[in-house]
C-alpha atoms as a PDB file:
ATOM      1  CA  UNK A   1      66.318 -61.109 -51.120  1.00  0.00           C
ATOM      2  CA  UNK A   2      67.829 -59.693 -48.010  1.00  0.00           C
ATOM      3  CA  UNK A   3      70.644 -61.990 -46.784  1.00  0.00           C
ATOM      4  CA  UNK A   4      70.708 -64.275 -49.840  1.00  0.00           C
ATOM      5  CA  UNK A   5      73.496 -64.108 -52.547  1.00  0.00           C
ATOM      6  CA  UNK A   6      72.658 -65.909 -55.837  1.00  0.00           C
ATOM      7  CA  UNK A   7      76.073 -67.098 -57.456  1.00  0.00           C
ATOM      8  CA  UNK A   8      75.357 -66.565 -61.016  1.00  0.00           C
ATOM      9  CA  UNK A   9      78.825 -67.149 -62.626  1.00  0.00           C
ATOM     10  CA  UNK A  10      78.358 -68.707 -66.190  1.00  0.00           C
ATOM     11  CA  UNK A  11      80.112 -71.928 -65.229  1.00  0.00           C
ATOM     12  CA  UNK A  12      78.049 -72.463 -62.274  1.00  0.00           C
ATOM     13  CA  UNK A  13      74.819 -71.989 -64.233  1.00  0.00           C
ATOM     14  CA  UNK A  14      75.926 -74.112 -67.096  1.00  0.00           C
ATOM     15  CA  UNK A  15      76.814 -77.121 -64.842  1.00  0.00           C
ATOM     16  CA  UNK A  16      73.599 -76.690 -62.932  1.00  0.00           C
ATOM     17  CA  UNK A  17      71.619 -76.931 -66.183  1.00  0.00           C
ATOM     18  CA  UNK A  18      73.151 -80.219 -66.860  1.00  0.00           C
ATOM     19  CA  UNK A  19      72.656 -81.459 -63.219  1.00  0.00           C
ATOM     20  CA  UNK A  20      68.952 -80.609 -63.638  1.00  0.00           C
ATOM     21  CA  UNK A  21      68.464 -82.957 -66.650  1.00  0.00           C
ATOM     22  CA  UNK A  22      66.896 -86.086 -65.655  1.00  0.00           C
ATOM     23  CA  UNK A  23      68.818 -87.982 -68.356  1.00  0.00           C
ATOM     24  CA  UNK A  24      72.245 -86.889 -66.657  1.00  0.00           C
ATOM     25  CA  UNK A  25      73.825 -90.145 -65.274  1.00  0.00           C
ATOM     26  CA  UNK A  26      74.769 -90.910 -61.672  1.00  0.00           C
ATOM     27  CA  UNK A  27      78.530 -90.636 -62.607  1.00  0.00           C
ATOM     28  CA  UNK A  28      78.109 -87.481 -64.402  1.00  0.00           C
ATOM     29  CA  UNK A  29      75.895 -85.814 -61.543  1.00  0.00           C
ATOM     30  CA  UNK A  30      78.510 -86.825 -58.949  1.00  0.00           C
ATOM     31  CA  UNK A  31      81.257 -85.176 -61.105  1.00  0.00           C
ATOM     32  CA  UNK A  32      79.404 -82.157 -61.699  1.00  0.00           C
ATOM     33  CA  UNK A  33      78.369 -81.580 -58.103  1.00  0.00           C
ATOM     34  CA  UNK A  34      82.104 -81.871 -57.119  1.00  0.00           C
ATOM     35  CA  UNK A  35      83.112 -79.321 -59.871  1.00  0.00           C
ATOM     36  CA  UNK A  36      80.228 -76.914 -59.104  1.00  0.00           C
ATOM     37  CA  UNK A  37      80.938 -77.073 -55.301  1.00  0.00           C
ATOM     38  CA  UNK A  38      84.459 -75.848 -55.965  1.00  0.00           C
ATOM     39  CA  UNK A  39      83.101 -72.909 -57.857  1.00  0.00           C
ATOM     40  CA  UNK A  40      80.540 -72.226 -55.074  1.00  0.00           C
ATOM     41  CA  UNK A  41      83.237 -72.390 -52.567  1.00  0.00           C
ATOM     42  CA  UNK A  42      85.266 -69.885 -54.235  1.00  0.00           C
ATOM     43  CA  UNK A  43      82.328 -67.463 -53.853  1.00  0.00           C
ATOM     44  CA  UNK A  44      81.238 -68.078 -50.419  1.00  0.00           C
ATOM     45  CA  UNK A  45      84.931 -67.536 -49.156  1.00  0.00           C
ATOM     46  CA  UNK A  46      85.362 -64.356 -51.185  1.00  0.00           C
ATOM     47  CA  UNK A  47      85.605 -61.888 -48.181  1.00  0.00           C
ATOM     48  CA  UNK A  48      87.639 -63.947 -45.885  1.00  0.00           C
ATOM     49  CA  UNK A  49      89.760 -61.909 -43.581  1.00  0.00           C
ATOM     50  CA  UNK A  50      93.544 -61.697 -44.574  1.00  0.00           C
ATOM     51  CA  UNK A  51      96.552 -60.684 -42.751  1.00  0.00           C
ATOM     52  CA  UNK A  52     100.332 -60.639 -43.838  1.00  0.00           C
ATOM     53  CA  UNK A  53     103.287 -62.865 -43.275  1.00  0.00           C
ATOM     54  CA  UNK A  54     106.938 -62.105 -44.235  1.00  0.00           C
ATOM     55  CA  UNK A  55     108.299 -64.575 -46.893  1.00  0.00           C
ATOM     56  CA  UNK A  56     111.219 -64.690 -49.252  1.00  0.00           C
ATOM     57  CA  UNK A  57     110.666 -65.112 -52.883  1.00  0.00           C
ATOM     58  CA  UNK A  58     113.607 -66.031 -55.206  1.00  0.00           C
ATOM     59  CA  UNK A  59     113.981 -62.398 -55.834  1.00  0.00           C
ATOM     60  CA  UNK A  60     113.147 -60.446 -52.531  1.00  0.00           C
ATOM     61  CA  UNK A  61     111.665 -60.335 -49.101  1.00  0.00           C
ATOM     62  CA  UNK A  62     107.860 -59.237 -48.998  1.00  0.00           C
ATOM     63  CA  UNK A  63     105.049 -58.986 -46.709  1.00  0.00           C
ATOM     64  CA  UNK A  64     102.481 -61.402 -48.486  1.00  0.00           C
ATOM     65  CA  UNK A  65      98.690 -61.914 -47.863  1.00  0.00           C
ATOM     66  CA  UNK A  66      97.638 -65.082 -45.920  1.00  0.00           C
ATOM     67  CA  UNK A  67      94.375 -66.131 -44.304  1.00  0.00           C
ATOM     68  CA  UNK A  68      93.912 -64.825 -40.854  1.00  0.00           C
ATOM     69  CA  UNK A  69      92.367 -66.792 -37.923  1.00  0.00           C
ATOM     70  CA  UNK A  70      91.764 -70.365 -37.345  1.00  0.00           C
ATOM     71  CA  UNK A  71      91.030 -72.877 -39.831  1.00  0.00           C
ATOM     72  CA  UNK A  72      87.562 -72.855 -41.627  1.00  0.00           C
ATOM     73  CA  UNK A  73      84.895 -75.430 -40.744  1.00  0.00           C
ATOM     74  CA  UNK A  74      82.823 -77.112 -43.434  1.00  0.00           C
ATOM     75  CA  UNK A  75      79.626 -78.572 -41.907  1.00  0.00           C
ATOM     76  CA  UNK A  76      78.141 -81.221 -44.143  1.00  0.00           C
ATOM     77  CA  UNK A  77      74.335 -82.213 -43.658  1.00  0.00           C
ATOM     78  CA  UNK A  78      74.407 -85.907 -44.242  1.00  0.00           C
ATOM     79  CA  UNK A  79      74.195 -87.467 -46.627  1.00  0.00           C
ATOM     80  CA  UNK A  80      73.719 -85.098 -49.706  1.00  0.00           C
ATOM     81  CA  UNK A  81      75.936 -82.491 -48.118  1.00  0.00           C
ATOM     82  CA  UNK A  82      79.163 -84.634 -48.690  1.00  0.00           C
ATOM     83  CA  UNK A  83      78.639 -84.073 -52.491  1.00  0.00           C
ATOM     84  CA  UNK A  84      79.337 -80.422 -51.888  1.00  0.00           C
ATOM     85  CA  UNK A  85      82.024 -81.129 -49.278  1.00  0.00           C
ATOM     86  CA  UNK A  86      84.374 -83.054 -51.399  1.00  0.00           C
ATOM     87  CA  UNK A  87      84.731 -80.187 -54.031  1.00  0.00           C
ATOM     88  CA  UNK A  88      85.199 -77.640 -51.348  1.00  0.00           C
ATOM     89  CA  UNK A  89      87.974 -79.662 -49.719  1.00  0.00           C
ATOM     90  CA  UNK A  90      89.724 -79.673 -52.966  1.00  0.00           C
ATOM     91  CA  UNK A  91      90.017 -75.922 -52.758  1.00  0.00           C
ATOM     92  CA  UNK A  92      90.493 -75.662 -49.037  1.00  0.00           C
ATOM     93  CA  UNK A  93      92.274 -78.981 -47.942  1.00  0.00           C
ATOM     94  CA  UNK A  94      93.147 -77.576 -44.481  1.00  0.00           C
ATOM     95  CA  UNK A  95      89.560 -76.998 -43.494  1.00  0.00           C
ATOM     96  CA  UNK A  96      88.152 -78.941 -40.536  1.00  0.00           C
ATOM     97  CA  UNK A  97      84.995 -80.826 -41.111  1.00  0.00           C
ATOM     98  CA  UNK A  98      81.709 -81.341 -39.164  1.00  0.00           C
ATOM     99  CA  UNK A  99      79.123 -84.033 -40.001  1.00  0.00           C
ATOM    100  CA  UNK A 100      75.507 -83.508 -39.015  1.00  0.00           C
ATOM    101  CA  UNK A 101      73.291 -86.491 -39.683  1.00  0.00           C
ATOM    102  CA  UNK A 102      69.730 -85.136 -40.171  1.00  0.00           C
ATOM    103  CA  UNK A 103      67.051 -86.684 -42.526  1.00  0.00           C
ATOM    104  CA  UNK A 104      63.723 -85.417 -43.496  1.00  0.00           C
ATOM    105  CA  UNK A 105      60.708 -87.613 -42.527  1.00  0.00           C
ATOM    106  CA  UNK A 106      58.797 -87.835 -45.759  1.00  0.00           C
ATOM    107  CA  UNK A 107      55.483 -87.974 -43.899  1.00  0.00           C
ATOM    108  CA  UNK A 108      55.840 -85.051 -41.479  1.00  0.00           C
ATOM    109  CA  UNK A 109      58.718 -83.118 -43.505  1.00  0.00           C
ATOM    110  CA  UNK A 110      60.191 -82.650 -40.051  1.00  0.00           C
ATOM    111  CA  UNK A 111      64.103 -83.148 -39.316  1.00  0.00           C
ATOM    112  CA  UNK A 112      65.289 -86.299 -37.466  1.00  0.00           C
ATOM    113  CA  UNK A 113      68.757 -86.017 -36.089  1.00  0.00           C
ATOM    114  CA  UNK A 114      70.859 -89.127 -35.820  1.00  0.00           C
ATOM    115  CA  UNK A 115      74.526 -87.901 -35.730  1.00  0.00           C
ATOM    116  CA  UNK A 116      76.661 -84.861 -34.893  1.00  0.00           C
ATOM    117  CA  UNK A 117      80.274 -84.510 -34.853  1.00  0.00           C
ATOM    118  CA  UNK A 118      82.242 -81.271 -34.991  1.00  0.00           C
ATOM    119  CA  UNK A 119      85.531 -79.749 -34.320  1.00  0.00           C
ATOM    120  CA  UNK A 120      86.361 -77.954 -30.874  1.00  0.00           C
ATOM    121  CA  UNK A 121      86.463 -74.139 -30.805  1.00  0.00           C
ATOM    122  CA  UNK A 122      83.668 -73.489 -33.289  1.00  0.00           C
ATOM    123  CA  UNK A 123      83.253 -69.989 -31.655  1.00  0.00           C
ATOM    124  CA  UNK A 124      86.625 -68.951 -33.112  1.00  0.00           C
ATOM    125  CA  UNK A 125      85.961 -70.326 -36.683  1.00  0.00           C
ATOM    126  CA  UNK A 126      84.021 -69.463 -39.679  1.00  0.00           C
ATOM    127  CA  UNK A 127      81.440 -72.457 -40.146  1.00  0.00           C
ATOM    128  CA  UNK A 128      80.245 -72.980 -43.724  1.00  0.00           C
ATOM    129  CA  UNK A 129      77.078 -75.373 -43.795  1.00  0.00           C
ATOM    130  CA  UNK A 130      76.492 -77.366 -46.865  1.00  0.00           C
ATOM    131  CA  UNK A 131      73.502 -78.978 -48.244  1.00  0.00           C
ATOM    132  CA  UNK A 132      72.432 -79.139 -51.947  1.00  0.00           C
ATOM    133  CA  UNK A 133      68.885 -78.081 -51.121  1.00  0.00           C
ATOM    134  CA  UNK A 134      67.189 -75.403 -49.050  1.00  0.00           C
ATOM    135  CA  UNK A 135      63.565 -76.827 -49.501  1.00  0.00           C
ATOM    136  CA  UNK A 136      61.506 -76.630 -46.422  1.00  0.00           C
ATOM    137  CA  UNK A 137      64.472 -75.559 -44.428  1.00  0.00           C
ATOM    138  CA  UNK A 138      63.861 -77.670 -41.527  1.00  0.00           C
ATOM    139  CA  UNK A 139      67.002 -79.711 -41.647  1.00  0.00           C
ATOM    140  CA  UNK A 140      69.019 -76.543 -42.229  1.00  0.00           C
ATOM    141  CA  UNK A 141      67.419 -74.683 -39.370  1.00  0.00           C
ATOM    142  CA  UNK A 142      67.880 -77.754 -37.151  1.00  0.00           C
ATOM    143  CA  UNK A 143      71.542 -78.132 -38.117  1.00  0.00           C
ATOM    144  CA  UNK A 144      72.461 -74.566 -37.590  1.00  0.00           C
ATOM    145  CA  UNK A 145      70.580 -74.666 -34.119  1.00  0.00           C
ATOM    146  CA  UNK A 146      73.042 -77.590 -33.127  1.00  0.00           C
ATOM    147  CA  UNK A 147      76.171 -75.709 -34.227  1.00  0.00           C
ATOM    148  CA  UNK A 148      75.112 -72.666 -32.200  1.00  0.00           C
ATOM    149  CA  UNK A 149      74.581 -74.857 -29.323  1.00  0.00           C
ATOM    150  CA  UNK A 150      78.303 -75.820 -29.710  1.00  0.00           C
ATOM    151  CA  UNK A 151      79.310 -72.111 -29.784  1.00  0.00           C
ATOM    152  CA  UNK A 152      79.455 -71.420 -33.517  1.00  0.00           C
ATOM    153  CA  UNK A 153      78.832 -67.756 -34.054  1.00  0.00           C
ATOM    154  CA  UNK A 154      80.041 -66.946 -37.555  1.00  0.00           C
ATOM    155  CA  UNK A 155      78.131 -68.975 -39.846  1.00  0.00           C
ATOM    156  CA  UNK A 156      77.099 -69.093 -43.547  1.00  0.00           C
ATOM    157  CA  UNK A 157      74.969 -71.559 -45.392  1.00  0.00           C
ATOM    158  CA  UNK A 158      75.719 -72.874 -48.991  1.00  0.00           C
ATOM    159  CA  UNK A 159      73.354 -74.851 -51.120  1.00  0.00           C
ATOM    160  CA  UNK A 160      72.730 -75.434 -54.925  1.00  0.00           C
ATOM    161  CA  UNK A 161      68.996 -74.624 -55.052  1.00  0.00           C
ATOM    162  CA  UNK A 162      66.750 -72.742 -52.703  1.00  0.00           C
ATOM    163  CA  UNK A 163      62.999 -72.348 -52.798  1.00  0.00           C
ATOM    164  CA  UNK A 164      61.459 -69.002 -51.731  1.00  0.00           C
ATOM    165  CA  UNK A 165      59.457 -70.721 -48.880  1.00  0.00           C
ATOM    166  CA  UNK A 166      62.670 -72.314 -47.517  1.00  0.00           C
ATOM    167  CA  UNK A 167      64.485 -69.053 -47.647  1.00  0.00           C
ATOM    168  CA  UNK A 168      61.688 -67.248 -45.739  1.00  0.00           C
ATOM    169  CA  UNK A 169      61.743 -69.877 -43.104  1.00  0.00           C
ATOM    170  CA  UNK A 170      65.387 -70.045 -42.825  1.00  0.00           C
ATOM    171  CA  UNK A 171      65.898 -66.241 -42.573  1.00  0.00           C
ATOM    172  CA  UNK A 172      63.124 -66.099 -39.961  1.00  0.00           C
ATOM    173  CA  UNK A 173      64.768 -68.710 -37.916  1.00  0.00           C
ATOM    174  CA  UNK A 174      68.513 -67.534 -38.348  1.00  0.00           C
ATOM    175  CA  UNK A 175      68.587 -64.009 -39.705  1.00  0.00           C
ATOM    176  CA  UNK A 176      72.307 -63.648 -38.668  1.00  0.00           C
ATOM    177  CA  UNK A 177      73.222 -66.531 -41.212  1.00  0.00           C
ATOM    178  CA  UNK A 178      73.745 -65.472 -44.855  1.00  0.00           C
ATOM    179  CA  UNK A 179      72.569 -67.711 -47.554  1.00  0.00           C
ATOM    180  CA  UNK A 180      74.640 -68.580 -50.766  1.00  0.00           C
ATOM    181  CA  UNK A 181      72.796 -70.445 -53.681  1.00  0.00           C
ATOM    182  CA  UNK A 182      73.140 -70.975 -57.319  1.00  0.00           C
ATOM    183  CA  UNK A 183      69.383 -70.567 -57.869  1.00  0.00           C
ATOM    184  CA  UNK A 184      66.162 -69.489 -56.255  1.00  0.00           C
ATOM    185  CA  UNK A 185      63.578 -71.832 -57.980  1.00  0.00           C
ATOM    186  CA  UNK A 186      59.797 -71.485 -58.322  1.00  0.00           C
ATOM    187  CA  UNK A 187      58.211 -73.173 -55.350  1.00  0.00           C
ATOM    188  CA  UNK A 188      57.781 -76.288 -53.243  1.00  0.00           C
ATOM    189  CA  UNK A 189      55.363 -79.030 -54.330  1.00  0.00           C
ATOM    190  CA  UNK A 190      53.048 -80.728 -51.915  1.00  0.00           C
ATOM    191  CA  UNK A 191      55.762 -83.212 -50.950  1.00  0.00           C
ATOM    192  CA  UNK A 192      58.258 -80.559 -50.048  1.00  0.00           C
ATOM    193  CA  UNK A 193      60.402 -80.924 -53.148  1.00  0.00           C
ATOM    194  CA  UNK A 194      61.832 -77.896 -55.163  1.00  0.00           C
ATOM    195  CA  UNK A 195      60.273 -77.132 -58.506  1.00  0.00           C
ATOM    196  CA  UNK A 196      61.696 -77.114 -61.068  1.00  0.00           C
ATOM    197  CA  UNK A 197      64.611 -78.385 -59.031  1.00  0.00           C
ATOM    198  CA  UNK A 198      66.630 -81.442 -59.862  1.00  0.00           C
ATOM    199  CA  UNK A 199      65.033 -84.123 -57.931  1.00  0.00           C
ATOM    200  CA  UNK A 200      66.597 -85.823 -54.748  1.00  0.00           C
ATOM    201  CA  UNK A 201      70.254 -84.819 -54.777  1.00  0.00           C
ATOM    202  CA  UNK A 202      71.383 -87.714 -52.488  1.00  0.00           C
ATOM    203  CA  UNK A 203      69.551 -90.211 -54.762  1.00  0.00           C
ATOM    204  CA  UNK A 204      70.916 -88.898 -57.980  1.00  0.00           C
ATOM    205  CA  UNK A 205      74.395 -88.661 -56.429  1.00  0.00           C
ATOM    206  CA  UNK A 206      74.594 -92.185 -54.944  1.00  0.00           C
ATOM    207  CA  UNK A 207      72.187 -94.056 -57.438  1.00  0.00           C
ATOM    208  CA  UNK A 208      69.659 -94.781 -54.872  1.00  0.00           C
ATOM    209  CA  UNK A 209      65.817 -94.380 -54.783  1.00  0.00           C
END
């Protein structure tokens, strides 16, 4: 699909299979989510801009590569997005963090916003929005609209699983935002859940129903 990158690294796919298993415990699910998010972060940041800085090694002075521009922003769609956020911060601890509180009304499947907090100067930063699922895409579309209202211009969306229906709606709403995912699953069911999926990521991560 145009604008969508499937991260098919063997370790990503292996860990995702374990996470899908309904017998996987809450503790194991949480640990695997942190591990897989580090691998996903590696891929979604693969083409960051670099510049050089002069440093001295124990042997010589060199112009060495370093990241260019302002610190990245990781924008977590609460609550499940925090599971991806933690592993990504392990890899990029200097990143700034935005929190976007949006939940899906289970009757209407529409997003309900309750919280938004983001760093300043979003226009000058790459913003990576994270949420384990791109299902109906309603929450993701609303979150990115909010970030754009605050000035964000360079945005990427990262998720574990995506449904074809969600990708289609997301790309129609934000064609300028590339999607990175570990899997494009079969479809959405009548309740808006991804099939075969892995259930509700937030519930499985936090042991709630």
